[in-house]
Amino acid sequence: MSVLFNYRNSSYFRPNYRSSRSQFRNYNNYNNNNFNNNFNNNFNNFNNHFYKLTDYGPNLFVVDIEEITEQNDNFRLALWTGRHLQLTLMSINPGESIGLERHDDLDQFIRIEDGVGLIQMGVSRDNLSFQRKVYPDYAIIIPAGTWHNLINTGNKPLKLYSIYAPVQHPYGTVQVTKAEASL
């Protein structure tokens, strides 16, 4: 007599891989990167570290992206700028938005870390037919040439990071407010 295992209804193919780092909060208790490799980058990557908000590109760089994104209070800050890629942090105040825009020659990735919002995308500025609510841990992919806007619909700052390929903003960009970004 053979016993059949029902893979479809088991957790065999669906392990609980929640993207939240709550399951990894004590990771540094097991790996403090205390190995002696005679390399000093003057930058410790431990939990609860207050990061310096500056552009680290094009140097080697490792960071707790959730922590540094939530630490940022600037409307836009270039955290790492390379030759072909850029990582920016953003903090959008309640009721504000990124502003309707289109990038003709680059693709954009956005990940929401905190807050709630509404993403609008479309083929023209007058036809933003794609609209979705976004929450923490949501990713947004914006292909080149797509009109888009992200609006903070919550009651606290919308914290996110964005990856541009190729680079969109000048090295070291810091725009404290949306008004400053509009200049």
N, C-alpha and C. Protein backbone atom coordinates (compact mmCIF):
# COMPACT_ATOMS: atom_id res chain seq x y z
N MET A 1 0.84 -1.17 0.00
CA MET A 1 0.00 0.00 0.00
C MET A 1 0.90 1.24 0.00
N SER A 2 0.70 2.10 -0.95
CA SER A 2 1.50 3.33 -1.00
C SER A 2 0.70 4.49 -0.44
N VAL A 3 1.41 5.38 0.18
CA VAL A 3 0.78 6.57 0.75
C VAL A 3 1.19 7.76 -0.11
N LEU A 4 0.21 8.48 -0.58
CA LEU A 4 0.48 9.66 -1.40
C LEU A 4 0.54 10.89 -0.51
N PHE A 5 1.53 11.69 -0.74
CA PHE A 5 1.68 12.93 0.03
C PHE A 5 1.14 14.08 -0.81
N ASN A 6 0.23 14.83 -0.24
CA ASN A 6 -0.38 15.94 -0.95
C ASN A 6 0.50 17.18 -0.79
N TYR A 7 1.39 17.41 -1.75
CA TYR A 7 2.31 18.54 -1.69
C TYR A 7 1.58 19.88 -1.80
N ARG A 8 0.52 19.91 -2.58
CA ARG A 8 -0.17 21.17 -2.84
C ARG A 8 -0.70 21.80 -1.56
N ASN A 9 -1.20 21.01 -0.64
CA ASN A 9 -1.80 21.54 0.58
C ASN A 9 -0.83 21.56 1.76
N SER A 10 0.37 21.14 1.53
CA SER A 10 1.33 21.12 2.63
C SER A 10 2.13 22.42 2.64
N SER A 11 2.86 22.60 3.71
CA SER A 11 3.73 23.78 3.79
C SER A 11 5.09 23.50 3.15
N TYR A 12 5.21 22.34 2.52
CA TYR A 12 6.47 21.98 1.89
C TYR A 12 6.89 23.01 0.85
N PHE A 13 5.94 23.46 0.03
CA PHE A 13 6.25 24.45 -0.99
C PHE A 13 5.93 25.87 -0.56
N ARG A 14 5.34 26.02 0.60
CA ARG A 14 4.95 27.35 1.06
C ARG A 14 5.49 27.60 2.46
N PRO A 15 6.79 27.66 2.61
CA PRO A 15 7.32 27.94 3.94
C PRO A 15 6.97 29.36 4.36
N ASN A 16 6.99 29.61 5.63
CA ASN A 16 6.62 30.91 6.16
C ASN A 16 7.81 31.86 6.05
N TYR A 17 7.98 32.46 4.88
CA TYR A 17 9.08 33.39 4.65
C TYR A 17 8.55 34.81 4.67
N ARG A 18 8.08 35.28 5.77
CA ARG A 18 7.59 36.66 5.88
C ARG A 18 8.76 37.60 5.66
N SER A 19 8.56 38.64 4.87
CA SER A 19 9.66 39.54 4.54
C SER A 19 10.05 40.44 5.70
N SER A 20 9.20 40.53 6.70
CA SER A 20 9.52 41.38 7.84
C SER A 20 10.76 40.85 8.55
N ARG A 21 11.60 41.76 8.99
CA ARG A 21 12.83 41.34 9.65
C ARG A 21 12.62 40.98 11.12
N SER A 22 11.38 40.92 11.58
CA SER A 22 11.17 40.59 12.98
C SER A 22 11.77 39.23 13.33
N GLN A 23 11.78 38.31 12.38
CA GLN A 23 12.34 36.99 12.64
C GLN A 23 13.87 37.02 12.70
N PHE A 24 14.48 38.11 12.23
CA PHE A 24 15.93 38.22 12.21
C PHE A 24 16.45 39.25 13.20
N ARG A 25 15.61 39.77 14.09
CA ARG A 25 16.01 40.85 14.98
C ARG A 25 17.25 40.51 15.81
N ASN A 26 17.42 39.23 16.16
CA ASN A 26 18.55 38.85 17.00
C ASN A 26 19.71 38.28 16.19
N TYR A 27 19.70 38.54 14.89
CA TYR A 27 20.74 38.01 14.03
C TYR A 27 22.12 38.41 14.51
N ASN A 28 22.29 39.64 14.95
CA ASN A 28 23.62 40.09 15.36
C ASN A 28 24.09 39.42 16.65
N ASN A 29 23.20 38.77 17.38
CA ASN A 29 23.64 38.01 18.54
C ASN A 29 24.46 36.79 18.09
N TYR A 30 24.26 36.38 16.86
CA TYR A 30 24.94 35.21 16.35
C TYR A 30 26.09 35.56 15.40
N ASN A 31 26.01 36.73 14.79
CA ASN A 31 27.02 37.11 13.81
C ASN A 31 27.28 38.60 13.93
N ASN A 32 28.26 38.96 14.69
CA ASN A 32 28.58 40.37 14.87
C ASN A 32 29.65 40.87 13.92
N ASN A 33 29.97 40.08 12.93
CA ASN A 33 31.00 40.46 11.97
C ASN A 33 32.28 40.89 12.67
N ASN A 34 32.64 40.17 13.71
CA ASN A 34 33.83 40.51 14.48
C ASN A 34 35.08 39.80 13.99
N PHE A 35 35.04 39.27 12.78
CA PHE A 35 36.22 38.59 12.27
C PHE A 35 37.32 39.61 12.03
N ASN A 36 38.55 39.15 12.15
CA ASN A 36 39.69 40.05 11.98
C ASN A 36 40.22 39.92 10.56
N ASN A 37 39.78 40.84 9.70
CA ASN A 37 40.26 40.80 8.32
C ASN A 37 41.06 42.04 7.97
N ASN A 38 41.44 42.83 8.99
CA ASN A 38 42.25 44.03 8.79
C ASN A 38 41.62 45.01 7.81
N PHE A 39 40.31 44.99 7.70
CA PHE A 39 39.61 45.93 6.83
C PHE A 39 38.78 46.86 7.70
N ASN A 40 39.06 48.15 7.62
CA ASN A 40 38.32 49.12 8.42
C ASN A 40 37.60 50.07 7.48
N ASN A 41 36.28 49.97 7.46
CA ASN A 41 35.52 50.88 6.62
C ASN A 41 34.86 51.98 7.46
N ASN A 42 35.20 52.04 8.75
CA ASN A 42 34.65 53.06 9.65
C ASN A 42 33.13 53.09 9.63
N PHE A 43 32.52 51.95 9.44
CA PHE A 43 31.07 51.89 9.36
C PHE A 43 30.61 50.56 9.94
N ASN A 44 30.03 50.59 11.12
CA ASN A 44 29.55 49.37 11.75
C ASN A 44 28.14 49.09 11.28
N ASN A 45 27.83 47.84 10.98
CA ASN A 45 26.49 47.50 10.55
C ASN A 45 25.78 46.65 11.60
N PHE A 46 25.54 47.23 12.76
CA PHE A 46 24.84 46.56 13.83
C PHE A 46 23.45 47.14 13.99
N ASN A 47 22.55 46.36 14.55
CA ASN A 47 21.19 46.85 14.79
C ASN A 47 21.22 48.07 15.69
N ASN A 48 20.20 48.92 15.55
CA ASN A 48 20.03 50.12 16.36
C ASN A 48 21.21 51.09 16.22
N HIS A 49 21.83 51.09 15.08
CA HIS A 49 22.93 52.00 14.79
C HIS A 49 22.36 53.24 14.13
N PHE A 50 22.81 54.40 14.54
CA PHE A 50 22.37 55.63 13.91
C PHE A 50 23.29 55.89 12.73
N TYR A 51 22.76 55.75 11.54
CA TYR A 51 23.56 55.88 10.33
C TYR A 51 23.72 57.34 9.93
N LYS A 52 24.86 57.65 9.37
CA LYS A 52 25.09 58.97 8.80
C LYS A 52 24.41 59.00 7.43
N LEU A 53 23.51 59.96 7.24
CA LEU A 53 22.78 60.06 5.99
C LEU A 53 23.58 60.87 4.99
N THR A 54 24.30 60.16 4.15
CA THR A 54 25.16 60.78 3.13
C THR A 54 25.24 59.83 1.95
N ASP A 55 25.78 60.28 0.86
CA ASP A 55 25.93 59.44 -0.33
C ASP A 55 27.22 58.63 -0.19
N TYR A 56 27.10 57.31 -0.10
CA TYR A 56 28.24 56.42 0.09
C TYR A 56 28.81 55.90 -1.23
N GLY A 57 28.19 56.23 -2.33
CA GLY A 57 28.64 55.72 -3.62
C GLY A 57 29.91 56.37 -4.09
N PRO A 58 30.66 55.73 -4.91
CA PRO A 58 30.47 54.37 -5.44
C PRO A 58 31.20 53.31 -4.62
N ASN A 59 31.40 53.56 -3.33
CA ASN A 59 32.15 52.64 -2.46
C ASN A 59 31.34 51.39 -2.13
N LEU A 60 32.03 50.36 -1.68
CA LEU A 60 31.37 49.17 -1.15
C LEU A 60 30.49 49.60 0.01
N PHE A 61 29.32 49.00 0.15
CA PHE A 61 28.37 49.51 1.14
C PHE A 61 27.41 48.42 1.56
N VAL A 62 27.23 48.26 2.87
CA VAL A 62 26.26 47.34 3.44
C VAL A 62 25.50 48.10 4.51
N VAL A 63 24.17 47.97 4.52
CA VAL A 63 23.36 48.74 5.45
C VAL A 63 22.06 48.00 5.75
N ASP A 64 21.50 48.22 6.92
CA ASP A 64 20.15 47.76 7.24
C ASP A 64 19.20 48.74 6.56
N ILE A 65 18.71 48.38 5.39
CA ILE A 65 17.94 49.31 4.57
C ILE A 65 16.64 49.74 5.24
N GLU A 66 16.01 48.85 6.00
CA GLU A 66 14.79 49.22 6.69
C GLU A 66 15.08 50.29 7.74
N GLU A 67 16.11 50.08 8.52
CA GLU A 67 16.45 51.01 9.60
C GLU A 67 16.84 52.38 9.06
N ILE A 68 17.68 52.42 8.05
CA ILE A 68 18.13 53.72 7.54
C ILE A 68 17.01 54.44 6.79
N THR A 69 16.11 53.69 6.15
CA THR A 69 14.96 54.31 5.48
C THR A 69 14.04 54.96 6.50
N GLU A 70 13.78 54.27 7.59
CA GLU A 70 12.91 54.82 8.62
C GLU A 70 13.58 55.97 9.37
N GLN A 71 14.89 56.01 9.39
CA GLN A 71 15.63 57.09 10.05
C GLN A 71 15.58 58.38 9.23
N ASN A 72 15.45 58.27 7.92
CA ASN A 72 15.49 59.44 7.03
C ASN A 72 14.23 60.30 7.17
N ASP A 73 14.42 61.61 7.35
CA ASP A 73 13.31 62.57 7.38
C ASP A 73 13.35 63.54 6.22
N ASN A 74 14.30 63.37 5.31
CA ASN A 74 14.40 64.23 4.13
C ASN A 74 13.41 63.78 3.07
N PHE A 75 12.91 64.73 2.29
CA PHE A 75 12.03 64.36 1.18
C PHE A 75 12.75 63.40 0.25
N ARG A 76 13.98 63.74 -0.10
CA ARG A 76 14.78 62.85 -0.95
C ARG A 76 16.25 62.96 -0.56
N LEU A 77 16.91 61.81 -0.47
CA LEU A 77 18.33 61.77 -0.15
C LEU A 77 18.98 60.65 -0.95
N ALA A 78 20.02 60.97 -1.70
CA ALA A 78 20.77 59.94 -2.43
C ALA A 78 21.68 59.24 -1.44
N LEU A 79 21.44 57.96 -1.21
CA LEU A 79 22.24 57.20 -0.24
C LEU A 79 23.44 56.53 -0.91
N TRP A 80 23.27 56.12 -2.16
CA TRP A 80 24.37 55.49 -2.88
C TRP A 80 24.21 55.77 -4.37
N THR A 81 25.23 56.35 -4.96
CA THR A 81 25.21 56.67 -6.38
C THR A 81 26.41 56.03 -7.05
N GLY A 82 26.13 55.17 -8.01
CA GLY A 82 27.19 54.53 -8.79
C GLY A 82 27.14 55.00 -10.24
N ARG A 83 27.81 54.26 -11.11
CA ARG A 83 27.80 54.63 -12.53
C ARG A 83 26.50 54.24 -13.21
N HIS A 84 25.87 53.15 -12.76
CA HIS A 84 24.70 52.62 -13.46
C HIS A 84 23.47 52.47 -12.57
N LEU A 85 23.59 52.78 -11.29
CA LEU A 85 22.51 52.52 -10.34
C LEU A 85 22.54 53.56 -9.24
N GLN A 86 21.36 53.87 -8.71
CA GLN A 86 21.29 54.83 -7.60
C GLN A 86 20.22 54.38 -6.60
N LEU A 87 20.55 54.51 -5.31
CA LEU A 87 19.62 54.22 -4.23
C LEU A 87 19.29 55.53 -3.52
N THR A 88 18.00 55.87 -3.46
CA THR A 88 17.58 57.08 -2.76
C THR A 88 16.59 56.72 -1.66
N LEU A 89 16.59 57.52 -0.61
CA LEU A 89 15.62 57.40 0.48
C LEU A 89 14.65 58.55 0.36
N MET A 90 13.38 58.31 0.71
CA MET A 90 12.39 59.37 0.67
C MET A 90 11.50 59.30 1.89
N SER A 91 11.03 60.47 2.31
CA SER A 91 10.04 60.60 3.38
C SER A 91 9.00 61.60 2.89
N ILE A 92 7.80 61.11 2.63
CA ILE A 92 6.74 61.95 2.08
C ILE A 92 5.73 62.24 3.18
N ASN A 93 5.50 63.50 3.46
CA ASN A 93 4.58 63.90 4.53
C ASN A 93 3.13 63.56 4.19
N PRO A 94 2.28 63.40 5.21
CA PRO A 94 0.86 63.10 4.97
C PRO A 94 0.23 64.12 4.02
N GLY A 95 -0.51 63.60 3.04
CA GLY A 95 -1.18 64.45 2.07
C GLY A 95 -0.31 64.90 0.92
N GLU A 96 1.00 64.71 1.00
CA GLU A 96 1.90 65.09 -0.08
C GLU A 96 2.12 63.91 -1.03
N SER A 97 2.80 64.19 -2.13
CA SER A 97 3.10 63.15 -3.11
C SER A 97 4.50 63.36 -3.66
N ILE A 98 4.97 62.37 -4.39
CA ILE A 98 6.24 62.51 -5.10
C ILE A 98 6.09 63.59 -6.16
N GLY A 99 4.92 63.64 -6.76
CA GLY A 99 4.67 64.56 -7.87
C GLY A 99 4.63 63.76 -9.16
N LEU A 100 3.68 64.09 -10.02
CA LEU A 100 3.53 63.38 -11.28
C LEU A 100 4.80 63.54 -12.11
N GLU A 101 5.36 62.41 -12.54
CA GLU A 101 6.62 62.44 -13.29
C GLU A 101 6.73 61.24 -14.21
N ARG A 102 7.69 61.32 -15.11
CA ARG A 102 8.00 60.24 -16.04
C ARG A 102 9.50 60.24 -16.28
N HIS A 103 10.09 59.06 -16.28
CA HIS A 103 11.51 58.90 -16.57
C HIS A 103 11.62 58.15 -17.90
N ASP A 104 12.03 58.85 -18.93
CA ASP A 104 12.06 58.25 -20.27
C ASP A 104 13.08 57.14 -20.43
N ASP A 105 14.22 57.26 -19.76
CA ASP A 105 15.33 56.35 -20.02
C ASP A 105 15.76 55.51 -18.83
N LEU A 106 14.91 55.38 -17.83
CA LEU A 106 15.30 54.56 -16.69
C LEU A 106 14.11 53.84 -16.08
N ASP A 107 14.41 52.70 -15.50
CA ASP A 107 13.43 51.94 -14.74
C ASP A 107 13.59 52.29 -13.27
N GLN A 108 12.50 52.16 -12.51
CA GLN A 108 12.54 52.53 -11.10
C GLN A 108 11.88 51.44 -10.26
N PHE A 109 12.50 51.18 -9.12
CA PHE A 109 11.97 50.24 -8.13
C PHE A 109 11.73 51.03 -6.85
N ILE A 110 10.56 50.89 -6.26
CA ILE A 110 10.24 51.56 -4.99
C ILE A 110 9.79 50.49 -4.00
N ARG A 111 10.27 50.60 -2.76
CA ARG A 111 9.79 49.72 -1.69
C ARG A 111 9.33 50.57 -0.53
N ILE A 112 8.12 50.30 -0.07
CA ILE A 112 7.53 51.02 1.05
C ILE A 112 7.99 50.35 2.34
N GLU A 113 8.55 51.13 3.25
CA GLU A 113 8.98 50.61 4.55
C GLU A 113 7.99 50.96 5.65
N ASP A 114 7.38 52.15 5.59
CA ASP A 114 6.45 52.57 6.63
C ASP A 114 5.44 53.54 6.04
N GLY A 115 4.21 53.46 6.52
CA GLY A 115 3.15 54.34 6.03
C GLY A 115 2.32 53.67 4.96
N VAL A 116 1.30 54.40 4.50
CA VAL A 116 0.41 53.89 3.45
C VAL A 116 0.27 54.94 2.36
N GLY A 117 -0.01 54.48 1.16
CA GLY A 117 -0.12 55.43 0.06
C GLY A 117 -0.93 54.87 -1.09
N LEU A 118 -0.96 55.65 -2.15
CA LEU A 118 -1.65 55.29 -3.38
C LEU A 118 -0.69 55.54 -4.54
N ILE A 119 -0.42 54.47 -5.32
CA ILE A 119 0.42 54.62 -6.50
C ILE A 119 -0.50 54.73 -7.71
N GLN A 120 -0.20 55.71 -8.56
CA GLN A 120 -0.95 55.91 -9.80
C GLN A 120 0.05 55.83 -10.94
N MET A 121 -0.29 55.04 -11.98
CA MET A 121 0.59 54.90 -13.14
C MET A 121 -0.25 54.83 -14.40
N GLY A 122 0.34 55.27 -15.50
CA GLY A 122 -0.35 55.20 -16.77
C GLY A 122 0.52 55.61 -17.93
N VAL A 123 -0.07 55.55 -19.13
CA VAL A 123 0.66 55.83 -20.36
C VAL A 123 0.76 57.32 -20.66
N SER A 124 -0.11 58.12 -20.04
CA SER A 124 -0.04 59.57 -20.23
C SER A 124 -0.39 60.26 -18.92
N ARG A 125 -0.05 61.53 -18.81
CA ARG A 125 -0.32 62.26 -17.57
C ARG A 125 -1.81 62.40 -17.31
N ASP A 126 -2.62 62.29 -18.37
CA ASP A 126 -4.08 62.40 -18.23
C ASP A 126 -4.76 61.04 -18.12
N ASN A 127 -3.99 59.97 -18.17
CA ASN A 127 -4.56 58.63 -18.13
C ASN A 127 -3.77 57.75 -17.17
N LEU A 128 -3.95 57.99 -15.87
CA LEU A 128 -3.30 57.17 -14.84
C LEU A 128 -4.26 56.05 -14.45
N SER A 129 -4.45 55.11 -15.36
CA SER A 129 -5.48 54.08 -15.20
C SER A 129 -5.11 53.00 -14.20
N PHE A 130 -3.84 52.88 -13.85
CA PHE A 130 -3.39 51.87 -12.89
C PHE A 130 -3.25 52.53 -11.53
N GLN A 131 -4.08 52.12 -10.57
CA GLN A 131 -4.03 52.68 -9.22
C GLN A 131 -4.11 51.55 -8.21
N ARG A 132 -3.20 51.58 -7.24
CA ARG A 132 -3.19 50.55 -6.19
C ARG A 132 -2.82 51.20 -4.86
N LYS A 133 -3.44 50.71 -3.78
CA LYS A 133 -3.02 51.11 -2.44
C LYS A 133 -1.74 50.36 -2.12
N VAL A 134 -0.83 51.02 -1.41
CA VAL A 134 0.43 50.39 -1.04
C VAL A 134 0.65 50.52 0.46
N TYR A 135 1.29 49.51 1.02
CA TYR A 135 1.50 49.40 2.46
C TYR A 135 2.96 49.00 2.71
N PRO A 136 3.38 48.96 3.99
CA PRO A 136 4.75 48.52 4.28
C PRO A 136 5.05 47.16 3.66
N ASP A 137 6.25 47.01 3.15
CA ASP A 137 6.76 45.81 2.50
C ASP A 137 6.28 45.65 1.06
N TYR A 138 5.53 46.62 0.52
CA TYR A 138 5.09 46.56 -0.87
C TYR A 138 6.21 47.08 -1.78
N ALA A 139 6.33 46.46 -2.94
CA ALA A 139 7.28 46.90 -3.96
C ALA A 139 6.51 47.41 -5.16
N ILE A 140 7.05 48.45 -5.78
CA ILE A 140 6.45 49.05 -6.96
C ILE A 140 7.51 49.07 -8.05
N ILE A 141 7.18 48.56 -9.22
CA ILE A 141 8.09 48.57 -10.36
C ILE A 141 7.51 49.53 -11.40
N ILE A 142 8.33 50.50 -11.81
CA ILE A 142 7.88 51.51 -12.77
C ILE A 142 8.78 51.43 -14.00
N PRO A 143 8.26 50.89 -15.11
CA PRO A 143 9.07 50.81 -16.33
C PRO A 143 9.35 52.20 -16.91
N ALA A 144 10.44 52.31 -17.64
CA ALA A 144 10.80 53.57 -18.29
C ALA A 144 9.65 54.06 -19.16
N GLY A 145 9.43 55.37 -19.15
CA GLY A 145 8.40 55.98 -19.97
C GLY A 145 7.01 55.97 -19.37
N THR A 146 6.86 55.49 -18.14
CA THR A 146 5.55 55.42 -17.49
C THR A 146 5.32 56.63 -16.61
N TRP A 147 4.20 57.30 -16.80
CA TRP A 147 3.82 58.39 -15.90
C TRP A 147 3.42 57.80 -14.57
N HIS A 148 3.83 58.43 -13.47
CA HIS A 148 3.52 57.88 -12.15
C HIS A 148 3.51 58.96 -11.08
N ASN A 149 2.79 58.66 -10.01
CA ASN A 149 2.75 59.52 -8.83
C ASN A 149 2.47 58.62 -7.64
N LEU A 150 3.09 58.93 -6.52
CA LEU A 150 2.86 58.20 -5.27
C LEU A 150 2.40 59.20 -4.24
N ILE A 151 1.21 58.98 -3.68
CA ILE A 151 0.59 59.90 -2.74
C ILE A 151 0.55 59.26 -1.36
N ASN A 152 0.93 60.02 -0.33
CA ASN A 152 0.82 59.55 1.05
C ASN A 152 -0.62 59.76 1.48
N THR A 153 -1.36 58.68 1.69
CA THR A 153 -2.76 58.76 2.11
C THR A 153 -2.92 58.52 3.61
N GLY A 154 -1.83 58.35 4.32
CA GLY A 154 -1.89 58.07 5.75
C GLY A 154 -1.75 59.31 6.59
N ASN A 155 -1.57 59.09 7.89
CA ASN A 155 -1.44 60.21 8.84
C ASN A 155 -0.04 60.31 9.44
N LYS A 156 0.92 59.64 8.83
CA LYS A 156 2.33 59.75 9.23
C LYS A 156 3.17 59.72 7.97
N PRO A 157 4.45 60.08 8.06
CA PRO A 157 5.29 60.10 6.86
C PRO A 157 5.36 58.73 6.18
N LEU A 158 5.33 58.76 4.86
CA LEU A 158 5.50 57.57 4.04
C LEU A 158 6.99 57.40 3.79
N LYS A 159 7.57 56.34 4.35
CA LYS A 159 9.02 56.10 4.25
C LYS A 159 9.26 55.03 3.19
N LEU A 160 10.16 55.34 2.26
CA LEU A 160 10.43 54.42 1.17
C LEU A 160 11.86 54.57 0.68
N TYR A 161 12.31 53.57 -0.05
CA TYR A 161 13.55 53.73 -0.79
C TYR A 161 13.28 53.41 -2.24
N SER A 162 14.07 54.03 -3.10
CA SER A 162 13.88 53.90 -4.53
C SER A 162 15.22 53.59 -5.18
N ILE A 163 15.19 52.68 -6.14
CA ILE A 163 16.38 52.33 -6.90
C ILE A 163 16.14 52.73 -8.35
N TYR A 164 17.06 53.52 -8.88
CA TYR A 164 17.00 53.97 -10.27
C TYR A 164 18.12 53.30 -11.06
N ALA A 165 17.80 52.87 -12.27
CA ALA A 165 18.83 52.36 -13.18
C ALA A 165 18.51 52.87 -14.58
N PRO A 166 19.34 53.73 -15.12
CA PRO A 166 20.57 54.31 -14.58
C PRO A 166 20.28 55.41 -13.56
N VAL A 167 21.31 56.13 -13.17
CA VAL A 167 21.24 57.16 -12.14
C VAL A 167 20.29 58.28 -12.56
N GLN A 168 19.50 58.79 -11.61
CA GLN A 168 18.54 59.86 -11.87
C GLN A 168 18.97 61.21 -11.29
N HIS A 169 19.49 61.21 -10.06
CA HIS A 169 19.80 62.45 -9.35
C HIS A 169 21.32 62.63 -9.22
N PRO A 170 21.78 63.87 -9.11
CA PRO A 170 23.22 64.10 -8.94
C PRO A 170 23.76 63.46 -7.66
N TYR A 171 25.02 63.07 -7.69
CA TYR A 171 25.68 62.51 -6.51
C TYR A 171 25.49 63.45 -5.33
N GLY A 172 25.15 62.89 -4.17
CA GLY A 172 25.03 63.68 -2.94
C GLY A 172 23.74 64.46 -2.80
N THR A 173 22.75 64.19 -3.63
CA THR A 173 21.48 64.93 -3.57
C THR A 173 20.84 64.81 -2.19
N VAL A 174 20.51 65.96 -1.60
CA VAL A 174 19.71 66.02 -0.37
C VAL A 174 18.68 67.12 -0.58
N GLN A 175 17.40 66.74 -0.59
CA GLN A 175 16.30 67.68 -0.72
C GLN A 175 15.45 67.51 0.53
N VAL A 176 15.55 68.47 1.43
CA VAL A 176 14.90 68.36 2.73
C VAL A 176 13.38 68.37 2.59
N THR A 177 12.86 69.21 1.70
CA THR A 177 11.41 69.32 1.51
C THR A 177 11.06 69.09 0.05
N LYS A 178 9.76 68.86 -0.20
CA LYS A 178 9.30 68.71 -1.58
C LYS A 178 9.49 70.01 -2.34
N ALA A 179 9.27 71.14 -1.67
CA ALA A 179 9.45 72.45 -2.32
C ALA A 179 10.89 72.61 -2.81
N GLU A 180 11.84 72.16 -2.02
CA GLU A 180 13.25 72.22 -2.41
C GLU A 180 13.51 71.33 -3.62
N ALA A 181 12.82 70.18 -3.68
CA ALA A 181 12.99 69.26 -4.80
C ALA A 181 12.41 69.83 -6.09
N SER A 182 11.43 70.72 -5.97
CA SER A 182 10.77 71.30 -7.15
C SER A 182 11.56 72.41 -7.80
N LEU A 183 12.59 72.91 -7.11
CA LEU A 183 13.38 74.03 -7.66
C LEU A 183 14.20 73.64 -8.86
